[in-house]
Amino acid sequence: MEVKNKIILALDLENMEKALNVVEDVSKYINTIKIGYPLVLSEGLESISLVKEKIDCKVIADFKVADIPSTNSMITDLTFKAGADAVIVHGFVGRDSVEACVETADKYRGDVFLLTEMSHPGASDFLQNVSEDVARMGVDLGMNKYVAPSTRLDRLAKIRQIVGNASLIISPGVGVQGGDPARTLEFADALIIGRSIYNSQDPEKAVKSIINSIKL
């Protein structure tokens, strides 16, 4: 998955019209969109196909899938039927649950991103304690796509060390949460950025500013 300008737009909006307007504004600079529960729960799974019809892009479904294997399989199946190119899954629920997602994704030639550690402060309460084990499990399963936080560069660096340089890491937390774009890209392959773009008065200008900061 090649991420244009190393930026993934997190489209965490609840209104389809606004979401599509933002997508159109940044379409010259972004080719990968992350769609999560806010848009899908308010507008339906067809949100994925509507975004892909608006611009030529890849869609990562950020559903943080975390259930028993049979339920994970159903969620993943519905996600790819809706047109997603990839899905984000939690690893803390265990190997069998993750394998269920991977096996289902393979039927659609889709990708699975394994979420190792989240970017918010509360991640240090519980998730951080197992994130390295989650990353090692992903390596054991032959996975090569991961999510790790930009807000804690020491943790991001550790995850990179575990999964290796050949793996693709996408990193949330840049912008509003405080993650630095350029420093994050020392360890990650792409940035996940939402509010700094879609809450801006000029989303295109916001994206260009981030791109320029990466190039400095």
C-alpha atoms as a PDB file:
ATOM      1  CA  MET A   1       0.000   0.000   0.000  1.00  0.00           C
ATOM      2  CA  GLU A   2       1.636   3.219  -1.191  1.00  0.00           C
ATOM      3  CA  VAL A   3       0.530   6.232   0.835  1.00  0.00           C
ATOM      4  CA  LYS A   4       0.786   9.473  -1.122  1.00  0.00           C
ATOM      5  CA  ASN A   5       2.739  12.195   0.717  1.00  0.00           C
ATOM      6  CA  LYS A   6       2.885   9.828   3.714  1.00  0.00           C
ATOM      7  CA  ILE A   7      -0.473  11.158   4.994  1.00  0.00           C
ATOM      8  CA  ILE A   8      -3.620   9.155   5.728  1.00  0.00           C
ATOM      9  CA  LEU A   9      -6.733  11.256   6.310  1.00  0.00           C
ATOM     10  CA  ALA A  10      -8.732  10.072   9.319  1.00  0.00           C
ATOM     11  CA  LEU A  11     -12.260  10.948   8.234  1.00  0.00           C
ATOM     12  CA  ASP A  12     -13.884  10.881  11.673  1.00  0.00           C
ATOM     13  CA  LEU A  13     -16.933  12.926  10.754  1.00  0.00           C
ATOM     14  CA  GLU A  14     -20.625  12.168  11.214  1.00  0.00           C
ATOM     15  CA  ASN A  15     -21.988  13.882   8.110  1.00  0.00           C
ATOM     16  CA  MET A  16     -21.468  12.419   4.641  1.00  0.00           C
ATOM     17  CA  GLU A  17     -21.763  15.717   2.795  1.00  0.00           C
ATOM     18  CA  LYS A  18     -19.095  17.352   4.939  1.00  0.00           C
ATOM     19  CA  ALA A  19     -16.910  14.265   4.704  1.00  0.00           C
ATOM     20  CA  LEU A  20     -17.056  14.246   0.908  1.00  0.00           C
ATOM     21  CA  ASN A  21     -16.315  17.978   0.772  1.00  0.00           C
ATOM     22  CA  VAL A  22     -13.175  17.456   2.851  1.00  0.00           C
ATOM     23  CA  VAL A  23     -12.139  14.499   0.704  1.00  0.00           C
ATOM     24  CA  GLU A  24     -12.536  16.581  -2.448  1.00  0.00           C
ATOM     25  CA  ASP A  25     -10.539  19.465  -0.927  1.00  0.00           C
ATOM     26  CA  VAL A  26      -7.521  17.244  -0.227  1.00  0.00           C
ATOM     27  CA  SER A  27      -7.801  14.856  -3.165  1.00  0.00           C
ATOM     28  CA  LYS A  28      -4.712  16.253  -4.917  1.00  0.00           C
ATOM     29  CA  TYR A  29      -2.523  15.352  -1.970  1.00  0.00           C
ATOM     30  CA  ILE A  30      -4.015  12.236  -0.366  1.00  0.00           C
ATOM     31  CA  ASN A  31      -4.816   8.772  -1.734  1.00  0.00           C
ATOM     32  CA  THR A  32      -5.543   6.899   1.502  1.00  0.00           C
ATOM     33  CA  ILE A  33      -8.543   7.524   3.757  1.00  0.00           C
ATOM     34  CA  LYS A  34      -9.228   5.988   7.160  1.00  0.00           C
ATOM     35  CA  ILE A  35     -12.934   5.658   7.924  1.00  0.00           C
ATOM     36  CA  GLY A  36     -14.066   4.765  11.433  1.00  0.00           C
ATOM     37  CA  TYR A  37     -17.224   4.308  13.421  1.00  0.00           C
ATOM     38  CA  PRO A  38     -18.467   7.946  13.517  1.00  0.00           C
ATOM     39  CA  LEU A  39     -19.125   8.091   9.773  1.00  0.00           C
ATOM     40  CA  VAL A  40     -20.208   4.473   9.342  1.00  0.00           C
ATOM     41  CA  LEU A  41     -22.607   4.469  12.295  1.00  0.00           C
ATOM     42  CA  SER A  42     -24.215   7.726  11.195  1.00  0.00           C
ATOM     43  CA  GLU A  43     -24.248   7.169   7.426  1.00  0.00           C
ATOM     44  CA  GLY A  44     -23.896   3.407   6.959  1.00  0.00           C
ATOM     45  CA  LEU A  45     -21.300   1.061   5.488  1.00  0.00           C
ATOM     46  CA  GLU A  46     -21.939   2.583   2.082  1.00  0.00           C
ATOM     47  CA  SER A  47     -19.817   5.489   3.340  1.00  0.00           C
ATOM     48  CA  ILE A  48     -16.821   3.469   2.194  1.00  0.00           C
ATOM     49  CA  SER A  49     -17.983   3.136  -1.404  1.00  0.00           C
ATOM     50  CA  LEU A  50     -19.181   6.748  -1.530  1.00  0.00           C
ATOM     51  CA  VAL A  51     -15.740   8.010  -0.562  1.00  0.00           C
ATOM     52  CA  LYS A  52     -14.095   5.755  -3.134  1.00  0.00           C
ATOM     53  CA  GLU A  53     -16.485   7.022  -5.794  1.00  0.00           C
ATOM     54  CA  LYS A  54     -15.569  10.613  -4.940  1.00  0.00           C
ATOM     55  CA  ILE A  55     -11.823  10.153  -5.423  1.00  0.00           C
ATOM     56  CA  ASP A  56      -9.510   7.352  -6.472  1.00  0.00           C
ATOM     57  CA  CYS A  57      -8.279   6.198  -3.083  1.00  0.00           C
ATOM     58  CA  LYS A  58      -7.674   3.300  -0.741  1.00  0.00           C
ATOM     59  CA  VAL A  59      -9.916   3.033   2.327  1.00  0.00           C
ATOM     60  CA  ILE A  60      -8.735   1.638   5.643  1.00  0.00           C
ATOM     61  CA  ALA A  61     -11.682   0.682   7.851  1.00  0.00           C
ATOM     62  CA  ASP A  62     -10.727   1.648  11.391  1.00  0.00           C
ATOM     63  CA  PHE A  63     -13.068  -0.713  13.211  1.00  0.00           C
ATOM     64  CA  LYS A  64     -10.480  -1.841  15.774  1.00  0.00           C
ATOM     65  CA  VAL A  65     -11.974  -5.308  15.511  1.00  0.00           C
ATOM     66  CA  ALA A  66     -11.791  -7.011  18.913  1.00  0.00           C
ATOM     67  CA  ASP A  67     -14.110  -9.975  19.401  1.00  0.00           C
ATOM     68  CA  ILE A  68     -14.155 -13.764  19.301  1.00  0.00           C
ATOM     69  CA  PRO A  69     -12.951 -15.364  16.055  1.00  0.00           C
ATOM     70  CA  SER A  70     -16.372 -16.101  14.543  1.00  0.00           C
ATOM     71  CA  THR A  71     -17.589 -12.547  15.144  1.00  0.00           C
ATOM     72  CA  ASN A  72     -14.313 -11.104  13.881  1.00  0.00           C
ATOM     73  CA  SER A  73     -14.744 -13.095  10.676  1.00  0.00           C
ATOM     74  CA  MET A  74     -18.237 -11.676  10.138  1.00  0.00           C
ATOM     75  CA  ILE A  75     -17.130  -8.098  10.814  1.00  0.00           C
ATOM     76  CA  THR A  76     -14.160  -8.433   8.483  1.00  0.00           C
ATOM     77  CA  ASP A  77     -16.280 -10.035   5.765  1.00  0.00           C
ATOM     78  CA  LEU A  78     -18.834  -7.211   5.859  1.00  0.00           C
ATOM     79  CA  THR A  79     -16.050  -4.642   5.846  1.00  0.00           C
ATOM     80  CA  PHE A  80     -14.474  -5.939   2.652  1.00  0.00           C
ATOM     81  CA  LYS A  81     -17.836  -6.515   0.979  1.00  0.00           C
ATOM     82  CA  ALA A  82     -18.467  -2.801   1.563  1.00  0.00           C
ATOM     83  CA  GLY A  83     -15.387  -1.983  -0.484  1.00  0.00           C
ATOM     84  CA  ALA A  84     -12.665  -1.447   2.103  1.00  0.00           C
ATOM     85  CA  ASP A  85      -9.081  -2.160   1.123  1.00  0.00           C
ATOM     86  CA  ALA A  86      -7.876  -2.790   4.672  1.00  0.00           C
ATOM     87  CA  VAL A  87      -9.146  -3.138   8.222  1.00  0.00           C
ATOM     88  CA  ILE A  88      -7.562  -2.314  11.575  1.00  0.00           C
ATOM     89  CA  VAL A  89      -7.792  -5.024  14.238  1.00  0.00           C
ATOM     90  CA  HIS A  90      -6.825  -5.189  17.895  1.00  0.00           C
ATOM     91  CA  GLY A  91      -4.232  -7.755  18.872  1.00  0.00           C
ATOM     92  CA  PHE A  92      -4.873  -7.976  22.613  1.00  0.00           C
ATOM     93  CA  VAL A  93      -7.821 -10.330  22.066  1.00  0.00           C
ATOM     94  CA  GLY A  94      -5.400 -13.045  21.006  1.00  0.00           C
ATOM     95  CA  ARG A  95      -3.951 -14.993  18.138  1.00  0.00           C
ATOM     96  CA  ASP A  96      -7.096 -16.861  17.076  1.00  0.00           C
ATOM     97  CA  SER A  97      -9.144 -13.675  16.805  1.00  0.00           C
ATOM     98  CA  VAL A  98      -6.475 -11.972  14.724  1.00  0.00           C
ATOM     99  CA  GLU A  99      -6.054 -15.020  12.485  1.00  0.00           C
ATOM    100  CA  ALA A 100      -9.793 -15.000  11.812  1.00  0.00           C
ATOM    101  CA  CYS A 101      -9.496 -11.466  10.427  1.00  0.00           C
ATOM    102  CA  VAL A 102      -6.437 -12.293   8.353  1.00  0.00           C
ATOM    103  CA  GLU A 103      -8.029 -15.408   6.856  1.00  0.00           C
ATOM    104  CA  THR A 104     -11.166 -13.509   5.894  1.00  0.00           C
ATOM    105  CA  ALA A 105      -9.197 -10.573   4.474  1.00  0.00           C
ATOM    106  CA  ASP A 106      -7.173 -12.980   2.329  1.00  0.00           C
ATOM    107  CA  LYS A 107     -10.365 -14.050   0.555  1.00  0.00           C
ATOM    108  CA  TYR A 108     -10.731 -10.477  -0.674  1.00  0.00           C
ATOM    109  CA  ARG A 109      -6.996  -9.891  -1.151  1.00  0.00           C
ATOM    110  CA  GLY A 110      -7.362  -7.235   1.509  1.00  0.00           C
ATOM    111  CA  ASP A 111      -4.937  -6.016   4.143  1.00  0.00           C
ATOM    112  CA  VAL A 112      -5.056  -6.235   7.933  1.00  0.00           C
ATOM    113  CA  PHE A 113      -3.335  -3.641  10.104  1.00  0.00           C
ATOM    114  CA  LEU A 114      -2.543  -4.933  13.579  1.00  0.00           C
ATOM    115  CA  LEU A 115      -3.072  -2.290  16.258  1.00  0.00           C
ATOM    116  CA  THR A 116      -0.240  -2.581  18.761  1.00  0.00           C
ATOM    117  CA  GLU A 117      -0.703   0.515  20.913  1.00  0.00           C
ATOM    118  CA  MET A 118      -3.017   3.522  20.764  1.00  0.00           C
ATOM    119  CA  SER A 119      -2.062   7.199  20.878  1.00  0.00           C
ATOM    120  CA  HIS A 120      -4.203   8.543  23.738  1.00  0.00           C
ATOM    121  CA  PRO A 121      -2.909   8.853  27.349  1.00  0.00           C
ATOM    122  CA  GLY A 122      -5.110   6.005  28.602  1.00  0.00           C
ATOM    123  CA  ALA A 123      -3.249   3.524  26.410  1.00  0.00           C
ATOM    124  CA  SER A 124      -0.532   3.461  29.044  1.00  0.00           C
ATOM    125  CA  ASP A 125      -2.989   2.054  31.626  1.00  0.00           C
ATOM    126  CA  PHE A 126      -3.307  -1.398  30.084  1.00  0.00           C
ATOM    127  CA  LEU A 127      -2.593  -1.641  26.354  1.00  0.00           C
ATOM    128  CA  GLN A 128       1.006  -0.480  26.559  1.00  0.00           C
ATOM    129  CA  ASN A 129       1.802  -3.406  28.837  1.00  0.00           C
ATOM    130  CA  VAL A 130       1.054  -5.911  26.066  1.00  0.00           C
ATOM    131  CA  SER A 131       1.792  -3.910  22.917  1.00  0.00           C
ATOM    132  CA  GLU A 132       5.226  -5.421  22.375  1.00  0.00           C
ATOM    133  CA  ASP A 133       3.781  -8.921  22.748  1.00  0.00           C
ATOM    134  CA  VAL A 134       1.084  -7.984  20.240  1.00  0.00           C
ATOM    135  CA  ALA A 135       3.755  -6.849  17.783  1.00  0.00           C
ATOM    136  CA  ARG A 136       5.706 -10.082  18.253  1.00  0.00           C
ATOM    137  CA  MET A 137       2.533 -12.085  17.695  1.00  0.00           C
ATOM    138  CA  GLY A 138       1.984 -10.221  14.436  1.00  0.00           C
ATOM    139  CA  VAL A 139       5.496 -11.092  13.306  1.00  0.00           C
ATOM    140  CA  ASP A 140       4.905 -14.740  14.224  1.00  0.00           C
ATOM    141  CA  LEU A 141       1.736 -14.686  12.132  1.00  0.00           C
ATOM    142  CA  GLY A 142       3.617 -13.273   9.162  1.00  0.00           C
ATOM    143  CA  MET A 143       1.837  -9.910   9.289  1.00  0.00           C
ATOM    144  CA  ASN A 144       3.567  -6.834   7.874  1.00  0.00           C
ATOM    145  CA  LYS A 145       1.203  -3.933   8.579  1.00  0.00           C
ATOM    146  CA  TYR A 146       0.898  -2.268  11.987  1.00  0.00           C
ATOM    147  CA  VAL A 147      -0.461   0.733  13.860  1.00  0.00           C
ATOM    148  CA  ALA A 148       1.715   2.389  16.532  1.00  0.00           C
ATOM    149  CA  PRO A 149       1.518   5.806  18.251  1.00  0.00           C
ATOM    150  CA  SER A 150       3.232   9.046  17.235  1.00  0.00           C
ATOM    151  CA  THR A 151       2.567  10.498  20.677  1.00  0.00           C
ATOM    152  CA  ARG A 152       5.149   8.248  22.325  1.00  0.00           C
ATOM    153  CA  LEU A 153       8.144   8.026  20.039  1.00  0.00           C
ATOM    154  CA  ASP A 154       9.979   5.646  22.345  1.00  0.00           C
ATOM    155  CA  ARG A 155       7.131   3.184  22.015  1.00  0.00           C
ATOM    156  CA  LEU A 156       6.911   3.695  18.254  1.00  0.00           C
ATOM    157  CA  ALA A 157      10.650   3.072  17.960  1.00  0.00           C
ATOM    158  CA  LYS A 158      10.334  -0.120  19.982  1.00  0.00           C
ATOM    159  CA  ILE A 159       7.512  -1.421  17.821  1.00  0.00           C
ATOM    160  CA  ARG A 160       9.581  -0.667  14.719  1.00  0.00           C
ATOM    161  CA  GLN A 161      12.474  -2.621  16.194  1.00  0.00           C
ATOM    162  CA  ILE A 162      10.222  -5.622  16.778  1.00  0.00           C
ATOM    163  CA  VAL A 163       8.393  -5.693  13.421  1.00  0.00           C
ATOM    164  CA  GLY A 164      11.409  -4.780  11.305  1.00  0.00           C
ATOM    165  CA  ASN A 165      12.048  -2.238   8.594  1.00  0.00           C
ATOM    166  CA  ALA A 166      10.230  -4.243   5.926  1.00  0.00           C
ATOM    167  CA  SER A 167       6.887  -3.799   7.702  1.00  0.00           C
ATOM    168  CA  LEU A 168       4.546  -0.874   7.105  1.00  0.00           C
ATOM    169  CA  ILE A 169       3.715   1.186  10.202  1.00  0.00           C
ATOM    170  CA  ILE A 170       1.008   3.842  10.150  1.00  0.00           C
ATOM    171  CA  SER A 171       0.946   6.205  13.099  1.00  0.00           C
ATOM    172  CA  PRO A 172      -1.937   8.145  14.699  1.00  0.00           C
ATOM    173  CA  GLY A 173      -1.661  11.100  17.083  1.00  0.00           C
ATOM    174  CA  VAL A 174      -0.046  13.748  14.878  1.00  0.00           C
ATOM    175  CA  GLY A 175      -1.484  17.230  15.234  1.00  0.00           C
ATOM    176  CA  VAL A 176      -4.155  17.767  17.884  1.00  0.00           C
ATOM    177  CA  GLN A 177      -2.767  14.997  20.110  1.00  0.00           C
ATOM    178  CA  GLY A 178       0.711  16.468  19.887  1.00  0.00           C
ATOM    179  CA  GLY A 179       2.634  14.069  17.636  1.00  0.00           C
ATOM    180  CA  ASP A 180       5.338  15.680  15.482  1.00  0.00           C
ATOM    181  CA  PRO A 181       5.089  14.747  11.776  1.00  0.00           C
ATOM    182  CA  ALA A 182       8.762  14.750  10.862  1.00  0.00           C
ATOM    183  CA  ARG A 183       9.957  12.973  13.995  1.00  0.00           C
ATOM    184  CA  THR A 184       7.229  10.359  13.690  1.00  0.00           C
ATOM    185  CA  LEU A 185       8.387   9.518  10.172  1.00  0.00           C
ATOM    186  CA  GLU A 186      11.803   8.585  11.553  1.00  0.00           C
ATOM    187  CA  PHE A 187      10.083   5.359  12.660  1.00  0.00           C
ATOM    188  CA  ALA A 188       6.726   5.188  10.845  1.00  0.00           C
ATOM    189  CA  ASP A 189       5.920   5.018   7.144  1.00  0.00           C
ATOM    190  CA  ALA A 190       2.789   7.172   7.183  1.00  0.00           C
ATOM    191  CA  LEU A 191       0.919   9.575   9.442  1.00  0.00           C
ATOM    192  CA  ILE A 192      -2.753   9.270  10.375  1.00  0.00           C
ATOM    193  CA  ILE A 193      -4.141  12.788  10.711  1.00  0.00           C
ATOM    194  CA  GLY A 194      -7.764  13.781  11.266  1.00  0.00           C
ATOM    195  CA  ARG A 195      -8.868  16.833  13.218  1.00  0.00           C
ATOM    196  CA  SER A 196      -5.969  19.041  12.125  1.00  0.00           C
ATOM    197  CA  ILE A 197      -7.263  18.629   8.581  1.00  0.00           C
ATOM    198  CA  TYR A 198     -11.041  18.201   8.667  1.00  0.00           C
ATOM    199  CA  ASN A 199     -11.629  20.824  11.392  1.00  0.00           C
ATOM    200  CA  SER A 200      -9.528  23.362   9.526  1.00  0.00           C
ATOM    201  CA  GLN A 201     -11.198  26.262   7.752  1.00  0.00           C
ATOM    202  CA  ASP A 202      -9.096  25.269   4.736  1.00  0.00           C
ATOM    203  CA  PRO A 203      -8.362  21.504   4.669  1.00  0.00           C
ATOM    204  CA  GLU A 204      -6.243  21.796   1.535  1.00  0.00           C
ATOM    205  CA  LYS A 205      -4.049  24.446   3.134  1.00  0.00           C
ATOM    206  CA  ALA A 206      -3.749  22.319   6.283  1.00  0.00           C
ATOM    207  CA  VAL A 207      -2.543  19.312   4.290  1.00  0.00           C
ATOM    208  CA  LYS A 208      -0.044  21.393   2.323  1.00  0.00           C
ATOM    209  CA  SER A 209       1.325  22.801   5.585  1.00  0.00           C
ATOM    210  CA  ILE A 210       1.854  19.291   6.966  1.00  0.00           C
ATOM    211  CA  ILE A 211       3.551  18.179   3.748  1.00  0.00           C
ATOM    212  CA  ASN A 212       5.890  21.167   3.920  1.00  0.00           C
ATOM    213  CA  SER A 213       6.740  20.392   7.543  1.00  0.00           C
ATOM    214  CA  ILE A 214       7.715  16.853   6.566  1.00  0.00           C
ATOM    215  CA  LYS A 215      10.001  18.095   3.811  1.00  0.00           C
ATOM    216  CA  LEU A 216      11.893  20.539   6.044  1.00  0.00           C
END
